[in-house]
């Protein structure tokens, strides 16, 4: 039988069958095809750039997280350092005589200015840095932190020196005891409002834009007023013997609560007012 040439185009008999295509489950396919809706609020609190493509508002969770973290660190730091500076100024007294009422008031005003100047400086510095870190700008963090430090120290110290001498005149009056909480809330509220306004300006400057600085100032001011009222009401129940109506209370625990409430209310007020702002100006490129 003659040899028959092989047909090279023929399919070999030993070729492996082609695998059948594997289809993804319907649920996976549907999830992959579902469109992702952009949102201005990222609940996962990412620490990257503040604005997503196509989103004109800052992430609310991110602004809240940075503001509360900055304020919390400032409150804790001011309490720790403030315990070492407690009663730094002593009333001057002549040899063999008790200190005069004026000397006692002066020392009280100076100690209060030192305590709340420290709180204001740390609040301004930390909130300024926190606002700038939201948009990842180290240059803005340095500028806003330094500005907040100076503004905060000046605001806390100046407000204390202005309020405490006048308030101290009412501490020992019998008619003032019936309204002690109200007077204490107003006196402490003025000081904390000044600190909050300085911290709010620093936070807004750090994020960028004078509109945010103005809104941050308003939020911090209101937060300081509400924080002072909350502290006086809480301290009356929790620390009845700590002299909470004094500019600086007598117990360490009450002073810690005071710094914590000041930081919480000021930071929350700043974040509440700054979050709704939009990005209308051009963004600065993130610097290393």
C-alpha atoms as a PDB file:
ATOM      1  CA  UNK A   1       0.000   0.000   0.000  1.00  0.00           C
ATOM      2  CA  UNK A   2       1.548   3.324  -1.056  1.00  0.00           C
ATOM      3  CA  UNK A   3       2.488   5.829   1.531  1.00  0.00           C
ATOM      4  CA  UNK A   4      -0.111   8.547   2.032  1.00  0.00           C
ATOM      5  CA  UNK A   5       1.236  12.027   2.821  1.00  0.00           C
ATOM      6  CA  UNK A   6       0.164  13.486   6.173  1.00  0.00           C
ATOM      7  CA  UNK A   7      -2.223  16.414   6.194  1.00  0.00           C
ATOM      8  CA  UNK A   8      -0.433  19.002   8.321  1.00  0.00           C
ATOM      9  CA  UNK A   9      -3.590  21.058   8.668  1.00  0.00           C
ATOM     10  CA  UNK A  10      -5.425  18.236  10.347  1.00  0.00           C
ATOM     11  CA  UNK A  11      -6.019  18.474  14.084  1.00  0.00           C
ATOM     12  CA  UNK A  12      -3.811  16.062  16.035  1.00  0.00           C
ATOM     13  CA  UNK A  13      -5.717  13.341  17.763  1.00  0.00           C
ATOM     14  CA  UNK A  14      -3.782  13.781  21.036  1.00  0.00           C
ATOM     15  CA  UNK A  15      -4.451  17.551  21.516  1.00  0.00           C
ATOM     16  CA  UNK A  16      -5.903  18.334  24.937  1.00  0.00           C
ATOM     17  CA  UNK A  17      -9.432  19.700  24.887  1.00  0.00           C
ATOM     18  CA  UNK A  18      -9.732  23.466  25.435  1.00  0.00           C
ATOM     19  CA  UNK A  19     -10.894  24.381  28.988  1.00  0.00           C
ATOM     20  CA  UNK A  20     -14.366  25.749  29.263  1.00  0.00           C
ATOM     21  CA  UNK A  21     -14.562  29.407  30.351  1.00  0.00           C
ATOM     22  CA  UNK A  22     -15.181  29.884  34.055  1.00  0.00           C
ATOM     23  CA  UNK A  23     -18.003  32.281  34.705  1.00  0.00           C
ATOM     24  CA  UNK A  24     -17.982  34.444  37.855  1.00  0.00           C
ATOM     25  CA  UNK A  25     -20.926  34.080  40.171  1.00  0.00           C
ATOM     26  CA  UNK A  26     -23.777  36.418  39.461  1.00  0.00           C
ATOM     27  CA  UNK A  27     -23.320  38.299  42.772  1.00  0.00           C
ATOM     28  CA  UNK A  28     -19.643  38.997  42.080  1.00  0.00           C
ATOM     29  CA  UNK A  29     -20.369  40.113  38.552  1.00  0.00           C
ATOM     30  CA  UNK A  30     -23.137  42.404  39.693  1.00  0.00           C
ATOM     31  CA  UNK A  31     -20.921  43.934  42.382  1.00  0.00           C
ATOM     32  CA  UNK A  32     -18.137  44.525  39.897  1.00  0.00           C
ATOM     33  CA  UNK A  33     -20.496  46.232  37.501  1.00  0.00           C
ATOM     34  CA  UNK A  34     -22.092  48.449  40.141  1.00  0.00           C
ATOM     35  CA  UNK A  35     -20.984  52.105  39.830  1.00  0.00           C
ATOM     36  CA  UNK A  36     -19.108  53.724  42.716  1.00  0.00           C
ATOM     37  CA  UNK A  37     -20.809  56.904  43.837  1.00  0.00           C
ATOM     38  CA  UNK A  38     -18.308  59.593  44.919  1.00  0.00           C
ATOM     39  CA  UNK A  39     -18.906  60.983  48.366  1.00  0.00           C
ATOM     40  CA  UNK A  40     -17.540  63.991  50.203  1.00  0.00           C
ATOM     41  CA  UNK A  41     -17.566  62.130  53.501  1.00  0.00           C
ATOM     42  CA  UNK A  42     -15.104  59.305  53.952  1.00  0.00           C
ATOM     43  CA  UNK A  43     -16.070  57.352  57.061  1.00  0.00           C
ATOM     44  CA  UNK A  44     -12.760  55.483  57.037  1.00  0.00           C
ATOM     45  CA  UNK A  45     -10.883  58.659  58.034  1.00  0.00           C
ATOM     46  CA  UNK A  46      -8.126  58.506  55.472  1.00  0.00           C
ATOM     47  CA  UNK A  47      -5.050  60.609  56.200  1.00  0.00           C
ATOM     48  CA  UNK A  48      -4.251  61.399  52.590  1.00  0.00           C
ATOM     49  CA  UNK A  49      -5.128  64.483  50.552  1.00  0.00           C
ATOM     50  CA  UNK A  50      -8.275  66.151  51.772  1.00  0.00           C
ATOM     51  CA  UNK A  51     -10.135  66.422  48.467  1.00  0.00           C
ATOM     52  CA  UNK A  52     -11.132  63.563  46.160  1.00  0.00           C
ATOM     53  CA  UNK A  53     -11.452  64.162  42.398  1.00  0.00           C
ATOM     54  CA  UNK A  54     -14.804  65.726  41.702  1.00  0.00           C
ATOM     55  CA  UNK A  55     -15.545  66.444  45.373  1.00  0.00           C
ATOM     56  CA  UNK A  56     -15.712  70.069  46.460  1.00  0.00           C
ATOM     57  CA  UNK A  57     -16.067  69.563  50.231  1.00  0.00           C
ATOM     58  CA  UNK A  58     -13.537  68.298  52.767  1.00  0.00           C
ATOM     59  CA  UNK A  59     -14.042  64.904  54.315  1.00  0.00           C
ATOM     60  CA  UNK A  60     -16.046  65.532  57.466  1.00  0.00           C
ATOM     61  CA  UNK A  61     -14.644  62.554  59.368  1.00  0.00           C
ATOM     62  CA  UNK A  62     -11.091  63.623  58.603  1.00  0.00           C
ATOM     63  CA  UNK A  63     -11.603  67.200  59.783  1.00  0.00           C
ATOM     64  CA  UNK A  64     -13.260  66.016  62.999  1.00  0.00           C
ATOM     65  CA  UNK A  65     -10.519  63.459  63.674  1.00  0.00           C
ATOM     66  CA  UNK A  66      -7.648  65.923  63.250  1.00  0.00           C
ATOM     67  CA  UNK A  67      -9.366  68.696  65.227  1.00  0.00           C
ATOM     68  CA  UNK A  68     -10.228  66.463  68.186  1.00  0.00           C
ATOM     69  CA  UNK A  69      -6.798  64.822  68.179  1.00  0.00           C
ATOM     70  CA  UNK A  70      -5.019  68.173  68.163  1.00  0.00           C
ATOM     71  CA  UNK A  71      -7.227  69.623  70.874  1.00  0.00           C
ATOM     72  CA  UNK A  72      -6.978  66.515  73.026  1.00  0.00           C
ATOM     73  CA  UNK A  73      -3.186  66.517  72.956  1.00  0.00           C
ATOM     74  CA  UNK A  74      -3.138  70.209  73.835  1.00  0.00           C
ATOM     75  CA  UNK A  75      -5.497  69.735  76.763  1.00  0.00           C
ATOM     76  CA  UNK A  76      -3.503  66.844  78.178  1.00  0.00           C
ATOM     77  CA  UNK A  77      -0.186  68.607  77.692  1.00  0.00           C
ATOM     78  CA  UNK A  78      -1.386  71.809  79.344  1.00  0.00           C
ATOM     79  CA  UNK A  79      -2.588  69.856  82.370  1.00  0.00           C
ATOM     80  CA  UNK A  80       0.673  67.932  82.758  1.00  0.00           C
ATOM     81  CA  UNK A  81       2.877  71.007  82.467  1.00  0.00           C
ATOM     82  CA  UNK A  82       0.449  73.197  84.379  1.00  0.00           C
ATOM     83  CA  UNK A  83       0.685  71.006  87.466  1.00  0.00           C
ATOM     84  CA  UNK A  84       4.366  71.921  87.734  1.00  0.00           C
ATOM     85  CA  UNK A  85       3.620  75.636  87.268  1.00  0.00           C
ATOM     86  CA  UNK A  86       0.808  75.668  89.817  1.00  0.00           C
ATOM     87  CA  UNK A  87       1.077  78.645  92.213  1.00  0.00           C
ATOM     88  CA  UNK A  88       4.231  79.802  90.465  1.00  0.00           C
ATOM     89  CA  UNK A  89       3.537  83.383  91.526  1.00  0.00           C
ATOM     90  CA  UNK A  90       3.373  84.006  95.293  1.00  0.00           C
ATOM     91  CA  UNK A  91       1.729  87.087  96.845  1.00  0.00           C
ATOM     92  CA  UNK A  92       4.288  89.601  97.975  1.00  0.00           C
ATOM     93  CA  UNK A  93       4.237  90.319 101.700  1.00  0.00           C
ATOM     94  CA  UNK A  94       6.290  92.601 103.884  1.00  0.00           C
ATOM     95  CA  UNK A  95       8.342  91.077 106.673  1.00  0.00           C
ATOM     96  CA  UNK A  96       6.098  90.035 109.533  1.00  0.00           C
ATOM     97  CA  UNK A  97       2.901  91.030 107.741  1.00  0.00           C
ATOM     98  CA  UNK A  98       0.318  89.101 105.797  1.00  0.00           C
ATOM     99  CA  UNK A  99      -0.013  89.674 102.090  1.00  0.00           C
ATOM    100  CA  UNK A 100      -2.527  92.327 101.158  1.00  0.00           C
ATOM    101  CA  UNK A 101      -5.706  91.522  99.268  1.00  0.00           C
ATOM    102  CA  UNK A 102      -4.321  93.343  96.269  1.00  0.00           C
ATOM    103  CA  UNK A 103      -1.166  91.228  96.284  1.00  0.00           C
ATOM    104  CA  UNK A 104      -3.218  88.027  96.544  1.00  0.00           C
ATOM    105  CA  UNK A 105      -5.380  89.113  93.610  1.00  0.00           C
ATOM    106  CA  UNK A 106      -2.324  90.004  91.540  1.00  0.00           C
ATOM    107  CA  UNK A 107      -0.717  86.604  92.186  1.00  0.00           C
ATOM    108  CA  UNK A 108      -3.995  84.853  91.335  1.00  0.00           C
ATOM    109  CA  UNK A 109      -4.270  86.770  88.070  1.00  0.00           C
ATOM    110  CA  UNK A 110      -0.682  85.948  87.110  1.00  0.00           C
ATOM    111  CA  UNK A 111      -1.068  82.253  87.931  1.00  0.00           C
ATOM    112  CA  UNK A 112      -4.277  82.125  85.900  1.00  0.00           C
ATOM    113  CA  UNK A 113      -2.572  83.905  82.999  1.00  0.00           C
ATOM    114  CA  UNK A 114       0.270  81.375  83.102  1.00  0.00           C
ATOM    115  CA  UNK A 115      -2.109  78.389  83.184  1.00  0.00           C
ATOM    116  CA  UNK A 116      -4.414  79.550  80.418  1.00  0.00           C
ATOM    117  CA  UNK A 117      -1.640  81.124  78.390  1.00  0.00           C
ATOM    118  CA  UNK A 118      -0.104  77.657  78.323  1.00  0.00           C
ATOM    119  CA  UNK A 119      -3.435  76.083  77.347  1.00  0.00           C
ATOM    120  CA  UNK A 120      -3.998  78.696  74.641  1.00  0.00           C
ATOM    121  CA  UNK A 121      -0.522  78.314  73.193  1.00  0.00           C
ATOM    122  CA  UNK A 122      -0.732  74.541  72.984  1.00  0.00           C
ATOM    123  CA  UNK A 123      -4.270  74.669  71.563  1.00  0.00           C
ATOM    124  CA  UNK A 124      -3.261  77.185  68.907  1.00  0.00           C
ATOM    125  CA  UNK A 125      -0.124  75.272  67.964  1.00  0.00           C
ATOM    126  CA  UNK A 126      -1.736  71.828  67.804  1.00  0.00           C
ATOM    127  CA  UNK A 127      -4.858  72.989  65.952  1.00  0.00           C
ATOM    128  CA  UNK A 128      -2.778  74.959  63.464  1.00  0.00           C
ATOM    129  CA  UNK A 129      -0.593  71.951  62.734  1.00  0.00           C
ATOM    130  CA  UNK A 130      -3.634  69.651  62.564  1.00  0.00           C
ATOM    131  CA  UNK A 131      -5.377  71.876  60.041  1.00  0.00           C
ATOM    132  CA  UNK A 132      -2.308  71.973  57.800  1.00  0.00           C
ATOM    133  CA  UNK A 133      -1.692  68.225  58.018  1.00  0.00           C
ATOM    134  CA  UNK A 134      -5.154  67.594  56.606  1.00  0.00           C
ATOM    135  CA  UNK A 135      -3.923  68.927  53.279  1.00  0.00           C
ATOM    136  CA  UNK A 136      -0.416  67.513  53.780  1.00  0.00           C
ATOM    137  CA  UNK A 137       1.466  70.800  53.729  1.00  0.00           C
ATOM    138  CA  UNK A 138       4.490  70.918  56.005  1.00  0.00           C
ATOM    139  CA  UNK A 139       5.089  74.575  55.180  1.00  0.00           C
ATOM    140  CA  UNK A 140       1.564  75.496  56.233  1.00  0.00           C
ATOM    141  CA  UNK A 141       1.932  73.370  59.378  1.00  0.00           C
ATOM    142  CA  UNK A 142       4.976  75.355  60.488  1.00  0.00           C
ATOM    143  CA  UNK A 143       3.376  78.726  59.738  1.00  0.00           C
ATOM    144  CA  UNK A 144      -0.035  77.933  61.232  1.00  0.00           C
ATOM    145  CA  UNK A 145       1.467  76.232  64.270  1.00  0.00           C
ATOM    146  CA  UNK A 146       3.721  79.175  65.048  1.00  0.00           C
ATOM    147  CA  UNK A 147       0.912  81.690  64.513  1.00  0.00           C
ATOM    148  CA  UNK A 148      -1.429  79.647  66.687  1.00  0.00           C
ATOM    149  CA  UNK A 149       1.182  79.380  69.437  1.00  0.00           C
ATOM    150  CA  UNK A 150       1.656  83.156  69.610  1.00  0.00           C
ATOM    151  CA  UNK A 151      -2.059  83.966  69.298  1.00  0.00           C
ATOM    152  CA  UNK A 152      -3.032  81.346  71.871  1.00  0.00           C
ATOM    153  CA  UNK A 153      -0.536  82.492  74.502  1.00  0.00           C
ATOM    154  CA  UNK A 154      -1.534  86.118  74.005  1.00  0.00           C
ATOM    155  CA  UNK A 155      -5.268  85.352  74.076  1.00  0.00           C
ATOM    156  CA  UNK A 156      -5.173  83.146  77.175  1.00  0.00           C
ATOM    157  CA  UNK A 157      -2.869  85.410  79.160  1.00  0.00           C
ATOM    158  CA  UNK A 158      -4.496  88.714  78.179  1.00  0.00           C
ATOM    159  CA  UNK A 159      -8.033  87.490  78.839  1.00  0.00           C
ATOM    160  CA  UNK A 160      -6.992  86.136  82.248  1.00  0.00           C
ATOM    161  CA  UNK A 161      -5.310  89.363  83.270  1.00  0.00           C
ATOM    162  CA  UNK A 162      -8.358  91.336  82.160  1.00  0.00           C
ATOM    163  CA  UNK A 163     -11.021  89.156  83.804  1.00  0.00           C
ATOM    164  CA  UNK A 164      -9.529  87.710  86.992  1.00  0.00           C
ATOM    165  CA  UNK A 165      -8.921  90.961  88.959  1.00  0.00           C
ATOM    166  CA  UNK A 166     -12.530  92.017  88.402  1.00  0.00           C
ATOM    167  CA  UNK A 167     -13.920  88.560  89.072  1.00  0.00           C
ATOM    168  CA  UNK A 168     -11.851  88.121  92.247  1.00  0.00           C
ATOM    169  CA  UNK A 169     -13.662  91.057  93.848  1.00  0.00           C
ATOM    170  CA  UNK A 170     -16.907  89.041  93.766  1.00  0.00           C
ATOM    171  CA  UNK A 171     -15.544  85.762  95.099  1.00  0.00           C
ATOM    172  CA  UNK A 172     -15.837  86.669  98.787  1.00  0.00           C
ATOM    173  CA  UNK A 173     -19.020  88.685  98.613  1.00  0.00           C
ATOM    174  CA  UNK A 174     -22.050  87.153 100.269  1.00  0.00           C
ATOM    175  CA  UNK A 175     -24.461  88.248  97.531  1.00  0.00           C
ATOM    176  CA  UNK A 176     -22.283  86.619  94.887  1.00  0.00           C
ATOM    177  CA  UNK A 177     -22.567  83.133  96.418  1.00  0.00           C
ATOM    178  CA  UNK A 178     -26.138  82.710  95.195  1.00  0.00           C
ATOM    179  CA  UNK A 179     -24.989  83.212  91.600  1.00  0.00           C
ATOM    180  CA  UNK A 180     -21.492  81.743  91.920  1.00  0.00           C
ATOM    181  CA  UNK A 181     -21.910  79.263  89.058  1.00  0.00           C
ATOM    182  CA  UNK A 182     -23.212  81.949  86.711  1.00  0.00           C
ATOM    183  CA  UNK A 183     -20.385  84.370  87.496  1.00  0.00           C
ATOM    184  CA  UNK A 184     -17.780  81.616  87.264  1.00  0.00           C
ATOM    185  CA  UNK A 185     -19.158  80.440  83.922  1.00  0.00           C
ATOM    186  CA  UNK A 186     -19.012  83.964  82.524  1.00  0.00           C
ATOM    187  CA  UNK A 187     -15.505  84.671  83.818  1.00  0.00           C
ATOM    188  CA  UNK A 188     -14.059  81.336  82.723  1.00  0.00           C
ATOM    189  CA  UNK A 189     -16.080  81.486  79.500  1.00  0.00           C
ATOM    190  CA  UNK A 190     -14.448  84.755  78.457  1.00  0.00           C
ATOM    191  CA  UNK A 191     -10.980  83.250  78.896  1.00  0.00           C
ATOM    192  CA  UNK A 192     -11.800  79.984  77.146  1.00  0.00           C
ATOM    193  CA  UNK A 193     -13.605  81.823  74.352  1.00  0.00           C
ATOM    194  CA  UNK A 194     -10.466  83.853  73.673  1.00  0.00           C
ATOM    195  CA  UNK A 195      -8.401  80.656  73.610  1.00  0.00           C
ATOM    196  CA  UNK A 196     -10.921  78.973  71.321  1.00  0.00           C
ATOM    197  CA  UNK A 197     -10.982  81.907  68.921  1.00  0.00           C
ATOM    198  CA  UNK A 198      -7.175  81.812  68.607  1.00  0.00           C
ATOM    199  CA  UNK A 199      -7.173  78.048  68.075  1.00  0.00           C
ATOM    200  CA  UNK A 200      -9.942  78.288  65.495  1.00  0.00           C
ATOM    201  CA  UNK A 201      -8.058  80.906  63.514  1.00  0.00           C
ATOM    202  CA  UNK A 202      -4.953  78.711  63.535  1.00  0.00           C
ATOM    203  CA  UNK A 203      -6.906  75.670  62.366  1.00  0.00           C
ATOM    204  CA  UNK A 204      -8.546  77.615  59.542  1.00  0.00           C
ATOM    205  CA  UNK A 205      -5.248  79.139  58.434  1.00  0.00           C
ATOM    206  CA  UNK A 206      -3.689  75.680  58.443  1.00  0.00           C
ATOM    207  CA  UNK A 207      -6.421  74.320  56.179  1.00  0.00           C
ATOM    208  CA  UNK A 208      -6.156  77.364  53.943  1.00  0.00           C
ATOM    209  CA  UNK A 209      -8.358  80.391  53.363  1.00  0.00           C
ATOM    210  CA  UNK A 210      -9.501  83.316  55.492  1.00  0.00           C
ATOM    211  CA  UNK A 211     -13.084  82.100  55.321  1.00  0.00           C
ATOM    212  CA  UNK A 212     -12.132  78.971  57.262  1.00  0.00           C
ATOM    213  CA  UNK A 213     -10.104  81.099  59.681  1.00  0.00           C
ATOM    214  CA  UNK A 214     -13.162  83.275  60.395  1.00  0.00           C
ATOM    215  CA  UNK A 215     -15.478  80.282  60.785  1.00  0.00           C
ATOM    216  CA  UNK A 216     -12.935  78.484  62.960  1.00  0.00           C
ATOM    217  CA  UNK A 217     -12.645  81.559  65.171  1.00  0.00           C
ATOM    218  CA  UNK A 218     -16.435  81.689  65.613  1.00  0.00           C
ATOM    219  CA  UNK A 219     -16.660  77.964  66.332  1.00  0.00           C
ATOM    220  CA  UNK A 220     -13.824  78.056  68.843  1.00  0.00           C
ATOM    221  CA  UNK A 221     -15.308  81.080  70.597  1.00  0.00           C
ATOM    222  CA  UNK A 222     -18.701  79.424  71.045  1.00  0.00           C
ATOM    223  CA  UNK A 223     -17.040  76.157  72.046  1.00  0.00           C
ATOM    224  CA  UNK A 224     -15.083  77.920  74.778  1.00  0.00           C
ATOM    225  CA  UNK A 225     -18.214  79.537  76.205  1.00  0.00           C
ATOM    226  CA  UNK A 226     -20.144  76.262  76.224  1.00  0.00           C
ATOM    227  CA  UNK A 227     -17.187  74.336  77.638  1.00  0.00           C
ATOM    228  CA  UNK A 228     -16.863  76.705  80.583  1.00  0.00           C
ATOM    229  CA  UNK A 229     -20.560  76.414  81.403  1.00  0.00           C
ATOM    230  CA  UNK A 230     -20.382  72.615  81.121  1.00  0.00           C
ATOM    231  CA  UNK A 231     -17.388  72.467  83.454  1.00  0.00           C
ATOM    232  CA  UNK A 232     -18.981  74.634  86.141  1.00  0.00           C
ATOM    233  CA  UNK A 233     -22.187  72.580  86.087  1.00  0.00           C
ATOM    234  CA  UNK A 234     -20.307  69.267  86.159  1.00  0.00           C
ATOM    235  CA  UNK A 235     -17.773  70.359  88.785  1.00  0.00           C
ATOM    236  CA  UNK A 236     -20.528  71.493  91.120  1.00  0.00           C
ATOM    237  CA  UNK A 237     -21.791  67.906  91.269  1.00  0.00           C
ATOM    238  CA  UNK A 238     -18.573  65.905  90.821  1.00  0.00           C
ATOM    239  CA  UNK A 239     -16.149  68.140  92.754  1.00  0.00           C
ATOM    240  CA  UNK A 240     -18.202  70.100  95.303  1.00  0.00           C
ATOM    241  CA  UNK A 241     -15.199  70.776  97.572  1.00  0.00           C
ATOM    242  CA  UNK A 242     -12.623  71.618  94.910  1.00  0.00           C
ATOM    243  CA  UNK A 243     -13.340  75.339  94.603  1.00  0.00           C
ATOM    244  CA  UNK A 244     -14.434  74.981  90.993  1.00  0.00           C
ATOM    245  CA  UNK A 245     -15.764  78.545  90.913  1.00  0.00           C
ATOM    246  CA  UNK A 246     -12.228  79.851  91.364  1.00  0.00           C
ATOM    247  CA  UNK A 247     -10.252  80.671  88.179  1.00  0.00           C
ATOM    248  CA  UNK A 248      -8.052  77.630  88.907  1.00  0.00           C
ATOM    249  CA  UNK A 249      -9.723  74.934  90.982  1.00  0.00           C
ATOM    250  CA  UNK A 250      -8.053  73.320  93.999  1.00  0.00           C
ATOM    251  CA  UNK A 251      -7.987  69.604  93.080  1.00  0.00           C
ATOM    252  CA  UNK A 252      -5.877  67.920  90.442  1.00  0.00           C
ATOM    253  CA  UNK A 253      -8.843  65.917  89.142  1.00  0.00           C
ATOM    254  CA  UNK A 254     -11.007  68.975  88.626  1.00  0.00           C
ATOM    255  CA  UNK A 255      -8.190  70.744  86.793  1.00  0.00           C
ATOM    256  CA  UNK A 256      -7.811  67.743  84.484  1.00  0.00           C
ATOM    257  CA  UNK A 257     -11.541  67.747  83.752  1.00  0.00           C
ATOM    258  CA  UNK A 258     -11.383  71.483  83.082  1.00  0.00           C
ATOM    259  CA  UNK A 259      -8.604  71.107  80.501  1.00  0.00           C
ATOM    260  CA  UNK A 260     -10.339  68.123  78.900  1.00  0.00           C
ATOM    261  CA  UNK A 261     -13.663  69.925  78.528  1.00  0.00           C
ATOM    262  CA  UNK A 262     -11.976  73.056  77.206  1.00  0.00           C
ATOM    263  CA  UNK A 263     -10.137  71.027  74.564  1.00  0.00           C
ATOM    264  CA  UNK A 264     -13.224  68.973  73.646  1.00  0.00           C
ATOM    265  CA  UNK A 265     -15.664  71.849  73.264  1.00  0.00           C
ATOM    266  CA  UNK A 266     -13.224  74.153  71.470  1.00  0.00           C
ATOM    267  CA  UNK A 267     -12.114  71.445  69.008  1.00  0.00           C
ATOM    268  CA  UNK A 268     -15.683  70.328  68.370  1.00  0.00           C
ATOM    269  CA  UNK A 269     -16.823  73.904  67.784  1.00  0.00           C
ATOM    270  CA  UNK A 270     -14.006  74.547  65.327  1.00  0.00           C
ATOM    271  CA  UNK A 271     -14.658  71.328  63.398  1.00  0.00           C
ATOM    272  CA  UNK A 272     -18.405  71.919  63.315  1.00  0.00           C
ATOM    273  CA  UNK A 273     -18.019  75.315  61.692  1.00  0.00           C
ATOM    274  CA  UNK A 274     -15.186  74.439  59.310  1.00  0.00           C
ATOM    275  CA  UNK A 275     -16.537  71.149  57.901  1.00  0.00           C
ATOM    276  CA  UNK A 276     -19.220  72.669  55.600  1.00  0.00           C
ATOM    277  CA  UNK A 277     -16.714  74.902  53.765  1.00  0.00           C
ATOM    278  CA  UNK A 278     -15.964  74.285  50.114  1.00  0.00           C
ATOM    279  CA  UNK A 279     -12.718  74.431  48.166  1.00  0.00           C
ATOM    280  CA  UNK A 280     -13.072  77.476  45.987  1.00  0.00           C
ATOM    281  CA  UNK A 281      -9.399  78.437  45.781  1.00  0.00           C
ATOM    282  CA  UNK A 282      -6.570  76.580  44.118  1.00  0.00           C
ATOM    283  CA  UNK A 283      -4.854  73.908  46.207  1.00  0.00           C
ATOM    284  CA  UNK A 284      -1.192  74.140  47.018  1.00  0.00           C
ATOM    285  CA  UNK A 285       0.865  71.121  45.998  1.00  0.00           C
ATOM    286  CA  UNK A 286       1.796  68.922  48.946  1.00  0.00           C
ATOM    287  CA  UNK A 287       5.325  69.674  50.060  1.00  0.00           C
ATOM    288  CA  UNK A 288       7.642  67.124  51.544  1.00  0.00           C
END
